[in-house]
Amino acid sequence: MAWDVLQCARQLVAADIVAEWVMTDADTYAALVPFNMVQSVRFYGLDHPIRAAMHQLLGGGADDEVKARASQILEALRKAY
């Protein structure tokens, strides 16, 4: 529910939260399934900030697992409405 509130309020901090989720441990990431939570971010104007956060992770010194997760989020953003 908190994620929905952030989206509806169009809070840019949502991008930071997605980045935190991407960098969490595998079990937490699997439980959150954040790539399913970004399906409507374009409607709320959050797709560009989240996309920028994911590109920042991809361009940084992140490990391969984090880069794979960031790519998952980017793919979900491409399909978002």
N, C-alpha and C. Protein backbone atom coordinates (compact mmCIF):
# COMPACT_ATOMS: atom_id res chain seq x y z
N MET A 1 0.82 -1.20 0.00
CA MET A 1 0.00 0.00 0.00
C MET A 1 0.86 1.26 0.00
N ALA A 2 1.99 1.21 0.69
CA ALA A 2 2.86 2.38 0.76
C ALA A 2 3.36 2.75 -0.64
N TRP A 3 3.68 1.75 -1.44
CA TRP A 3 4.13 2.02 -2.80
C TRP A 3 3.05 2.73 -3.60
N ASP A 4 1.81 2.29 -3.46
CA ASP A 4 0.70 2.93 -4.17
C ASP A 4 0.55 4.38 -3.74
N VAL A 5 0.72 4.66 -2.46
CA VAL A 5 0.62 6.03 -1.97
C VAL A 5 1.71 6.89 -2.59
N LEU A 6 2.94 6.37 -2.63
CA LEU A 6 4.04 7.13 -3.24
C LEU A 6 3.76 7.42 -4.71
N GLN A 7 3.25 6.43 -5.42
CA GLN A 7 2.93 6.63 -6.84
C GLN A 7 1.85 7.68 -7.01
N CYS A 8 0.77 7.55 -6.27
CA CYS A 8 -0.34 8.49 -6.40
C CYS A 8 0.08 9.91 -6.03
N ALA A 9 0.99 10.03 -5.08
CA ALA A 9 1.48 11.34 -4.67
C ALA A 9 2.57 11.85 -5.61
N ARG A 10 2.94 11.01 -6.56
CA ARG A 10 3.96 11.35 -7.56
C ARG A 10 5.27 11.78 -6.89
N GLN A 11 5.64 11.04 -5.87
CA GLN A 11 6.86 11.33 -5.11
C GLN A 11 8.09 10.77 -5.83
N LEU A 12 9.04 11.63 -6.11
CA LEU A 12 10.24 11.21 -6.83
C LEU A 12 11.12 10.29 -5.99
N VAL A 13 10.90 10.26 -4.70
CA VAL A 13 11.64 9.35 -3.82
C VAL A 13 11.36 7.89 -4.20
N ALA A 14 10.32 7.66 -4.95
CA ALA A 14 9.99 6.31 -5.40
C ALA A 14 11.16 5.72 -6.21
N ALA A 15 11.86 6.55 -6.96
CA ALA A 15 13.01 6.06 -7.73
C ALA A 15 14.11 5.57 -6.80
N ASP A 16 14.33 6.28 -5.72
CA ASP A 16 15.34 5.86 -4.73
C ASP A 16 14.94 4.56 -4.07
N ILE A 17 13.66 4.40 -3.83
CA ILE A 17 13.18 3.18 -3.19
C ILE A 17 13.36 1.98 -4.11
N VAL A 18 13.04 2.14 -5.38
CA VAL A 18 13.25 1.04 -6.34
C VAL A 18 14.73 0.69 -6.41
N ALA A 19 15.60 1.70 -6.42
CA ALA A 19 17.04 1.43 -6.44
C ALA A 19 17.47 0.66 -5.19
N GLU A 20 16.91 1.01 -4.05
CA GLU A 20 17.22 0.27 -2.80
C GLU A 20 16.77 -1.18 -2.92
N TRP A 21 15.59 -1.38 -3.48
CA TRP A 21 15.08 -2.75 -3.64
C TRP A 21 15.99 -3.56 -4.56
N VAL A 22 16.47 -2.93 -5.62
CA VAL A 22 17.34 -3.62 -6.57
C VAL A 22 18.64 -4.05 -5.90
N MET A 23 19.11 -3.25 -4.95
CA MET A 23 20.38 -3.54 -4.29
C MET A 23 20.25 -4.44 -3.06
N THR A 24 19.04 -4.84 -2.71
CA THR A 24 18.86 -5.69 -1.53
C THR A 24 19.34 -7.11 -1.80
N ASP A 25 19.28 -7.92 -0.76
CA ASP A 25 19.67 -9.32 -0.93
C ASP A 25 18.63 -10.06 -1.78
N ALA A 26 19.00 -11.21 -2.27
CA ALA A 26 18.18 -11.97 -3.22
C ALA A 26 16.81 -12.34 -2.64
N ASP A 27 16.78 -12.73 -1.37
CA ASP A 27 15.51 -13.13 -0.77
C ASP A 27 14.54 -11.96 -0.66
N THR A 28 15.03 -10.82 -0.23
CA THR A 28 14.17 -9.64 -0.12
C THR A 28 13.68 -9.20 -1.49
N TYR A 29 14.58 -9.21 -2.46
CA TYR A 29 14.19 -8.82 -3.82
C TYR A 29 13.11 -9.75 -4.36
N ALA A 30 13.30 -11.04 -4.14
CA ALA A 30 12.32 -12.02 -4.62
C ALA A 30 10.97 -11.84 -3.93
N ALA A 31 10.99 -11.46 -2.67
CA ALA A 31 9.74 -11.25 -1.94
C ALA A 31 9.02 -9.98 -2.41
N LEU A 32 9.78 -8.96 -2.74
CA LEU A 32 9.18 -7.69 -3.17
C LEU A 32 8.69 -7.73 -4.61
N VAL A 33 9.39 -8.43 -5.48
CA VAL A 33 9.10 -8.50 -6.91
C VAL A 33 8.85 -7.09 -7.47
N PRO A 34 9.83 -6.19 -7.34
CA PRO A 34 9.60 -4.80 -7.75
C PRO A 34 9.31 -4.60 -9.22
N PHE A 35 9.76 -5.52 -10.09
CA PHE A 35 9.47 -5.31 -11.52
C PHE A 35 7.99 -5.42 -11.80
N ASN A 36 7.23 -6.04 -10.92
CA ASN A 36 5.77 -6.08 -11.06
C ASN A 36 5.12 -4.83 -10.49
N MET A 37 5.85 -4.09 -9.68
CA MET A 37 5.28 -2.92 -9.02
C MET A 37 5.43 -1.64 -9.84
N VAL A 38 6.12 -1.70 -10.95
CA VAL A 38 6.33 -0.50 -11.76
C VAL A 38 5.45 -0.48 -13.01
N GLN A 39 4.40 -1.24 -12.98
CA GLN A 39 3.54 -1.37 -14.17
C GLN A 39 2.80 -0.08 -14.54
N SER A 40 2.53 0.78 -13.56
CA SER A 40 1.76 1.99 -13.86
C SER A 40 2.53 3.27 -13.55
N VAL A 41 3.84 3.19 -13.42
CA VAL A 41 4.61 4.38 -13.05
C VAL A 41 4.58 5.46 -14.12
N ARG A 42 4.44 5.09 -15.36
CA ARG A 42 4.39 6.10 -16.43
C ARG A 42 3.18 7.02 -16.24
N PHE A 43 2.07 6.46 -15.83
CA PHE A 43 0.86 7.25 -15.57
C PHE A 43 1.13 8.32 -14.51
N TYR A 44 1.94 7.98 -13.52
CA TYR A 44 2.23 8.89 -12.41
C TYR A 44 3.46 9.75 -12.65
N GLY A 45 4.08 9.64 -13.81
CA GLY A 45 5.23 10.46 -14.14
C GLY A 45 6.51 10.04 -13.43
N LEU A 46 6.59 8.79 -13.02
CA LEU A 46 7.76 8.31 -12.29
C LEU A 46 8.69 7.45 -13.13
N ASP A 47 8.32 7.23 -14.38
CA ASP A 47 9.14 6.34 -15.21
C ASP A 47 10.52 6.91 -15.48
N HIS A 48 10.62 8.19 -15.76
CA HIS A 48 11.93 8.78 -16.06
C HIS A 48 12.86 8.79 -14.84
N PRO A 49 12.38 9.18 -13.66
CA PRO A 49 13.29 9.11 -12.50
C PRO A 49 13.73 7.69 -12.17
N ILE A 50 12.83 6.73 -12.30
CA ILE A 50 13.21 5.34 -12.01
C ILE A 50 14.18 4.83 -13.08
N ARG A 51 13.93 5.18 -14.31
CA ARG A 51 14.83 4.80 -15.40
C ARG A 51 16.24 5.37 -15.15
N ALA A 52 16.30 6.64 -14.74
CA ALA A 52 17.60 7.28 -14.47
C ALA A 52 18.32 6.57 -13.32
N ALA A 53 17.57 6.18 -12.29
CA ALA A 53 18.18 5.47 -11.16
C ALA A 53 18.73 4.12 -11.59
N MET A 54 18.01 3.43 -12.47
CA MET A 54 18.48 2.12 -12.93
C MET A 54 19.72 2.27 -13.82
N HIS A 55 19.75 3.29 -14.66
CA HIS A 55 20.92 3.52 -15.50
C HIS A 55 22.13 3.90 -14.66
N GLN A 56 21.88 4.62 -13.57
CA GLN A 56 22.97 4.96 -12.66
C GLN A 56 23.56 3.69 -12.04
N LEU A 57 22.70 2.75 -11.67
CA LEU A 57 23.19 1.48 -11.13
C LEU A 57 23.97 0.70 -12.18
N LEU A 58 23.47 0.69 -13.41
CA LEU A 58 24.14 -0.03 -14.48
C LEU A 58 25.50 0.58 -14.81
N GLY A 59 25.61 1.89 -14.70
CA GLY A 59 26.85 2.57 -15.01
C GLY A 59 27.85 2.57 -13.87
N GLY A 60 27.38 2.25 -12.68
CA GLY A 60 28.26 2.25 -11.52
C GLY A 60 28.98 0.93 -11.36
N GLY A 61 29.53 0.74 -10.20
CA GLY A 61 30.30 -0.47 -9.93
C GLY A 61 29.48 -1.59 -9.33
N ALA A 62 28.23 -1.70 -9.72
CA ALA A 62 27.35 -2.73 -9.17
C ALA A 62 27.77 -4.11 -9.67
N ASP A 63 27.44 -5.12 -8.86
CA ASP A 63 27.76 -6.48 -9.28
C ASP A 63 26.77 -6.96 -10.34
N ASP A 64 27.03 -8.11 -10.90
CA ASP A 64 26.22 -8.63 -12.01
C ASP A 64 24.77 -8.88 -11.61
N GLU A 65 24.55 -9.31 -10.38
CA GLU A 65 23.18 -9.57 -9.92
C GLU A 65 22.37 -8.28 -9.87
N VAL A 66 22.96 -7.22 -9.35
CA VAL A 66 22.28 -5.93 -9.29
C VAL A 66 22.03 -5.41 -10.70
N LYS A 67 23.00 -5.57 -11.58
CA LYS A 67 22.81 -5.12 -12.96
C LYS A 67 21.69 -5.89 -13.65
N ALA A 68 21.59 -7.18 -13.37
CA ALA A 68 20.51 -7.98 -13.95
C ALA A 68 19.15 -7.51 -13.43
N ARG A 69 19.09 -7.20 -12.15
CA ARG A 69 17.84 -6.69 -11.57
C ARG A 69 17.47 -5.34 -12.16
N ALA A 70 18.46 -4.45 -12.30
CA ALA A 70 18.21 -3.14 -12.89
C ALA A 70 17.69 -3.29 -14.32
N SER A 71 18.24 -4.24 -15.04
CA SER A 71 17.77 -4.51 -16.40
C SER A 71 16.33 -5.02 -16.39
N GLN A 72 15.99 -5.83 -15.39
CA GLN A 72 14.60 -6.31 -15.24
C GLN A 72 13.65 -5.13 -15.04
N ILE A 73 14.05 -4.20 -14.19
CA ILE A 73 13.22 -3.02 -13.94
C ILE A 73 13.08 -2.20 -15.22
N LEU A 74 14.18 -2.01 -15.95
CA LEU A 74 14.11 -1.25 -17.20
C LEU A 74 13.19 -1.91 -18.21
N GLU A 75 13.24 -3.23 -18.28
CA GLU A 75 12.34 -3.95 -19.19
C GLU A 75 10.88 -3.74 -18.77
N ALA A 76 10.62 -3.81 -17.48
CA ALA A 76 9.26 -3.59 -16.97
C ALA A 76 8.81 -2.16 -17.26
N LEU A 77 9.73 -1.20 -17.18
CA LEU A 77 9.38 0.19 -17.49
C LEU A 77 9.02 0.36 -18.95
N ARG A 78 9.71 -0.36 -19.82
CA ARG A 78 9.39 -0.29 -21.25
C ARG A 78 7.97 -0.77 -21.53
N LYS A 79 7.50 -1.70 -20.71
CA LYS A 79 6.16 -2.26 -20.89
C LYS A 79 5.09 -1.54 -20.06
N ALA A 80 5.53 -0.62 -19.21
CA ALA A 80 4.59 0.06 -18.28
C ALA A 80 3.64 0.95 -19.04
N TYR A 81 2.53 1.22 -18.42
CA TYR A 81 1.55 2.14 -18.99
C TYR A 81 1.42 3.37 -18.14
